[in-house]
Amino acid sequence: AGGSAAGAGEWINGAISDDGSRVFFSSAGFGARPLFVRENGVTTQISASAIFRGASDDGSKVFFTTGSAGPLMSYDVATQTATTLSVDAGGTSHTALGLIDFSDDGSRVYFAANGQLVPGAPTTGTKLYLWDNGVVKFIASGFGAEIQLWSTIVQLKEPRMYVTPDGEALLFITRVPITGYDNSNPDCDTGACMEAFLYRADTEQIVCVSCNPSGAPPAD
């Protein structure tokens, strides 16, 4: 069977490590299928059924979902072990709606899910989370279809969000009034203007960096 980097019809972002020593590929086709890594002339199967989502710069960690309705997984190439990232405090895995972005070393991963992964997070709606070295943190909720768009355009390198190399900060734009600022304006699409928000993992706080500090409505 033929193969392709990351797999036909999937993302190829991170399909090869920076030094070229590790290459990730799938058997030909679409959807979930076997995922492999090639290193030092040896091919190792990562998963029998996976959709490739990306890999760390050095290729030590690879991210994938087990299908269009599966959880987000991280695979450690050195230890050949997989870890579920979209998991709640009780250990139950949840469907990931998209991998948003991650730090260069793969230790911090931003993703979206509908499930309540963190106690106190809303029980309904699409939520943005951070997997931070084994700890899942809730960021914000209220997102709709734009989460799916975010996941797509990040892979196309036309993002509406940016992550620092260490994954400490996430900058993103949205029409969701996360901080309570009234961004309504009839001249903007859907009647609400885009605003830019900065999230920091160390403080777990979000600040609107584009909102008018006087509280005045945004311009179109």
Protein backbone atom coordinates (compact mmCIF):
# COMPACT_ATOMS: atom_id res chain seq x y z
CA ALA A 1 0.00 0.00 0.00
CA GLY A 2 1.22 3.46 -0.78
CA GLY A 3 1.82 6.15 1.79
CA SER A 4 2.21 9.90 2.07
CA ALA A 5 3.60 12.36 4.58
CA ALA A 6 0.95 12.62 7.28
CA GLY A 7 -1.53 11.04 4.87
CA ALA A 8 -3.48 12.10 1.79
CA GLY A 9 -6.06 14.74 2.57
CA GLU A 10 -4.63 15.49 6.03
CA TRP A 11 -2.42 18.18 7.50
CA ILE A 12 1.31 17.95 6.81
CA ASN A 13 2.28 20.54 9.42
CA GLY A 14 5.05 18.90 11.47
CA ALA A 15 5.14 15.74 9.35
CA ILE A 16 8.95 15.89 9.48
CA SER A 17 11.17 16.86 12.40
CA ASP A 18 13.41 19.92 12.10
CA ASP A 19 16.52 17.81 11.56
CA GLY A 20 14.77 15.44 9.16
CA SER A 21 15.44 12.38 11.32
CA ARG A 22 11.76 11.58 11.91
CA VAL A 23 9.01 11.43 9.30
CA PHE A 24 5.34 10.74 10.03
CA PHE A 25 3.06 9.18 7.42
CA SER A 26 -0.16 7.22 6.97
CA SER A 27 -1.34 4.58 4.55
CA ALA A 28 -3.10 6.03 1.53
CA GLY A 29 -6.72 7.08 1.90
CA PHE A 30 -8.86 9.42 3.94
CA GLY A 31 -10.06 9.47 7.54
CA ALA A 32 -8.62 7.40 10.38
CA ARG A 33 -6.04 4.80 9.31
CA PRO A 34 -2.65 3.46 10.42
CA LEU A 35 -0.11 6.15 11.38
CA PHE A 36 3.65 5.52 11.33
CA VAL A 37 6.97 7.17 12.16
CA ARG A 38 10.15 6.50 10.19
CA GLU A 39 13.42 6.96 12.12
CA ASN A 40 16.95 5.69 11.43
CA GLY A 41 15.65 3.44 8.68
CA VAL A 42 13.07 1.80 10.95
CA THR A 43 9.30 2.22 10.56
CA THR A 44 7.18 2.01 13.72
CA GLN A 45 3.39 2.04 13.88
CA ILE A 46 2.05 4.74 16.19
CA SER A 47 -1.62 3.86 15.95
CA ALA A 48 -3.78 1.45 13.97
CA SER A 49 -6.45 4.12 13.47
CA ALA A 50 -5.49 7.80 13.59
CA ILE A 51 -5.81 11.19 11.94
CA PHE A 52 -2.50 13.08 12.10
CA ARG A 53 -2.75 16.55 13.68
CA GLY A 54 0.86 17.66 14.06
CA ALA A 55 4.18 16.99 15.79
CA SER A 56 6.69 18.83 17.94
CA ASP A 57 9.65 20.49 16.25
CA ASP A 58 12.05 17.67 17.13
CA GLY A 59 9.49 14.99 16.27
CA SER A 60 9.57 13.56 19.79
CA LYS A 61 5.81 13.98 20.20
CA VAL A 62 3.08 13.46 17.61
CA PHE A 63 -0.56 14.52 17.99
CA PHE A 64 -3.52 12.72 16.48
CA THR A 65 -7.19 11.98 16.92
CA THR A 66 -8.58 8.48 16.72
CA GLY A 67 -11.23 9.61 14.24
CA SER A 68 -13.48 12.54 13.44
CA ALA A 69 -15.24 11.96 16.79
CA GLY A 70 -12.29 10.72 18.83
CA PRO A 71 -10.16 12.13 21.64
CA LEU A 72 -6.94 14.08 21.10
CA MET A 73 -3.85 11.94 21.71
CA SER A 74 -0.15 12.58 22.19
CA TYR A 75 2.40 9.89 21.35
CA ASP A 76 5.93 9.88 22.77
CA VAL A 77 8.22 8.47 20.09
CA ALA A 78 11.04 7.55 22.48
CA THR A 79 8.90 5.58 24.94
CA GLN A 80 6.29 4.51 22.36
CA THR A 81 3.47 5.46 24.75
CA ALA A 82 0.25 7.35 24.02
CA THR A 83 -1.47 9.85 26.33
CA THR A 84 -5.04 11.13 26.04
CA LEU A 85 -5.08 14.93 26.23
CA SER A 86 -8.84 15.61 26.00
CA VAL A 87 -9.59 13.91 29.31
CA ASP A 88 -11.55 15.07 32.35
CA ALA A 89 -10.57 14.93 36.02
CA GLY A 90 -12.17 11.51 36.37
CA GLY A 91 -10.08 10.04 33.57
CA THR A 92 -12.87 9.91 30.98
CA SER A 93 -11.80 10.83 27.45
CA HIS A 94 -13.82 13.30 25.36
CA THR A 95 -14.08 14.07 21.66
CA ALA A 96 -11.73 16.83 20.56
CA LEU A 97 -13.25 19.29 18.08
CA GLY A 98 -9.86 20.50 16.91
CA LEU A 99 -6.22 20.94 17.81
CA ILE A 100 -5.63 24.70 17.87
CA ASP A 101 -1.85 24.89 18.29
CA PHE A 102 0.98 23.78 20.55
CA SER A 103 4.40 24.77 21.89
CA ASP A 104 7.51 23.89 19.92
CA ASP A 105 8.36 21.03 22.28
CA GLY A 106 4.78 19.74 22.51
CA SER A 107 4.54 20.21 26.27
CA ARG A 108 1.60 22.63 25.94
CA VAL A 109 -1.31 21.92 23.60
CA TYR A 110 -4.33 24.15 22.93
CA PHE A 111 -7.47 22.37 21.76
CA ALA A 112 -11.27 22.57 21.71
CA ALA A 113 -13.89 20.20 23.09
CA ASN A 114 -17.56 20.21 24.07
CA GLY A 115 -17.07 18.16 27.21
CA GLN A 116 -16.60 19.53 30.71
CA LEU A 117 -12.98 18.53 31.25
CA VAL A 118 -12.34 20.84 34.21
CA PRO A 119 -14.60 21.18 37.27
CA GLY A 120 -16.37 24.54 37.16
CA ALA A 121 -16.22 24.84 33.38
CA PRO A 122 -19.58 25.25 31.61
CA THR A 123 -21.40 21.99 30.97
CA THR A 124 -22.62 23.02 27.52
CA GLY A 125 -21.11 24.70 24.48
CA THR A 126 -17.73 24.57 22.80
CA LYS A 127 -14.80 25.25 25.09
CA LEU A 128 -11.14 26.13 24.61
CA TYR A 129 -8.65 24.19 26.75
CA LEU A 130 -4.92 23.98 27.39
CA TRP A 131 -3.15 20.71 28.15
CA ASP A 132 -0.18 21.96 30.16
CA ASN A 133 2.39 19.26 30.95
CA GLY A 134 -0.30 16.82 32.01
CA VAL A 135 -2.75 19.32 33.52
CA VAL A 136 -5.89 20.36 31.60
CA LYS A 137 -6.84 24.02 32.05
CA PHE A 138 -10.10 25.68 31.00
CA ILE A 139 -9.65 28.92 29.04
CA ALA A 140 -13.00 30.12 27.69
CA SER A 141 -16.33 28.97 26.24
CA GLY A 142 -19.13 30.15 23.97
CA PHE A 143 -17.40 29.38 20.69
CA GLY A 144 -19.30 27.93 17.78
CA ALA A 145 -18.26 26.89 14.30
CA GLU A 146 -15.29 29.27 14.41
CA ILE A 147 -13.40 26.72 16.51
CA GLN A 148 -13.43 24.36 13.55
CA LEU A 149 -12.27 27.23 11.34
CA TRP A 150 -9.44 28.02 13.75
CA SER A 151 -8.19 24.45 13.62
CA THR A 152 -8.23 24.50 9.83
CA ILE A 153 -6.58 27.86 9.22
CA VAL A 154 -3.85 27.21 11.77
CA GLN A 155 -2.77 24.24 9.69
CA LEU A 156 -2.92 26.41 6.56
CA LYS A 157 -0.66 28.97 8.25
CA GLU A 158 -3.35 31.65 8.13
CA PRO A 159 -4.22 31.61 11.82
CA ARG A 160 -6.52 33.73 13.91
CA MET A 161 -4.48 32.72 16.91
CA TYR A 162 -0.78 32.66 17.71
CA VAL A 163 1.08 30.64 20.33
CA THR A 164 4.49 31.62 21.70
CA PRO A 165 7.26 29.04 21.14
CA ASP A 166 7.06 27.91 24.79
CA GLY A 167 3.25 27.82 24.69
CA GLU A 168 3.02 30.24 27.61
CA ALA A 169 0.80 32.73 25.78
CA LEU A 170 -2.02 32.41 23.26
CA LEU A 171 -3.20 35.39 21.24
CA PHE A 172 -6.51 34.95 19.42
CA ILE A 173 -9.36 36.94 17.92
CA THR A 174 -13.04 36.21 18.27
CA ARG A 175 -16.47 37.84 18.36
CA VAL A 176 -17.30 36.06 21.62
CA PRO A 177 -17.36 38.72 24.40
CA ILE A 178 -15.15 36.68 26.71
CA THR A 179 -14.27 39.47 29.14
CA GLY A 180 -17.70 41.10 29.09
CA TYR A 181 -16.78 44.00 26.80
CA ASP A 182 -19.73 45.00 24.61
CA ASN A 183 -18.37 44.48 21.10
CA SER A 184 -21.72 44.89 19.36
CA ASN A 185 -21.74 47.06 16.25
CA PRO A 186 -24.29 46.80 13.41
CA ASP A 187 -21.59 47.63 10.87
CA CYS A 188 -19.54 44.53 11.77
CA ASP A 189 -20.29 41.04 10.44
CA THR A 190 -22.99 39.31 12.49
CA GLY A 191 -23.44 42.57 14.42
CA ALA A 192 -20.35 42.05 16.59
CA CYS A 193 -16.76 43.13 15.99
CA MET A 194 -13.69 40.93 16.30
CA GLU A 195 -11.51 41.61 19.33
CA ALA A 196 -8.03 40.33 20.23
CA PHE A 197 -7.50 38.41 23.47
CA LEU A 198 -4.31 37.34 25.23
CA TYR A 199 -4.28 34.27 27.48
CA ARG A 200 -1.34 33.43 29.76
CA ALA A 201 -0.87 29.92 31.05
CA ASP A 202 0.99 30.96 34.22
CA THR A 203 -1.82 33.17 35.53
CA GLU A 204 -4.68 31.45 33.64
CA GLN A 205 -6.02 34.93 32.88
CA ILE A 206 -7.44 36.45 29.68
CA VAL A 207 -7.08 40.11 28.77
CA CYS A 208 -8.74 41.85 25.83
CA VAL A 209 -5.88 43.76 24.25
CA SER A 210 -7.98 45.50 21.59
CA CYS A 211 -11.06 46.48 23.61
CA ASN A 212 -11.52 50.21 24.19
CA PRO A 213 -10.41 50.76 27.81
CA SER A 214 -13.08 53.45 28.17
CA GLY A 215 -15.75 50.84 27.49
CA ALA A 216 -16.96 52.70 24.40
CA PRO A 217 -18.34 50.50 21.61
CA PRO A 218 -15.87 49.36 18.94
CA ALA A 219 -15.57 50.99 15.55
CA ASP A 220 -16.32 48.90 12.46
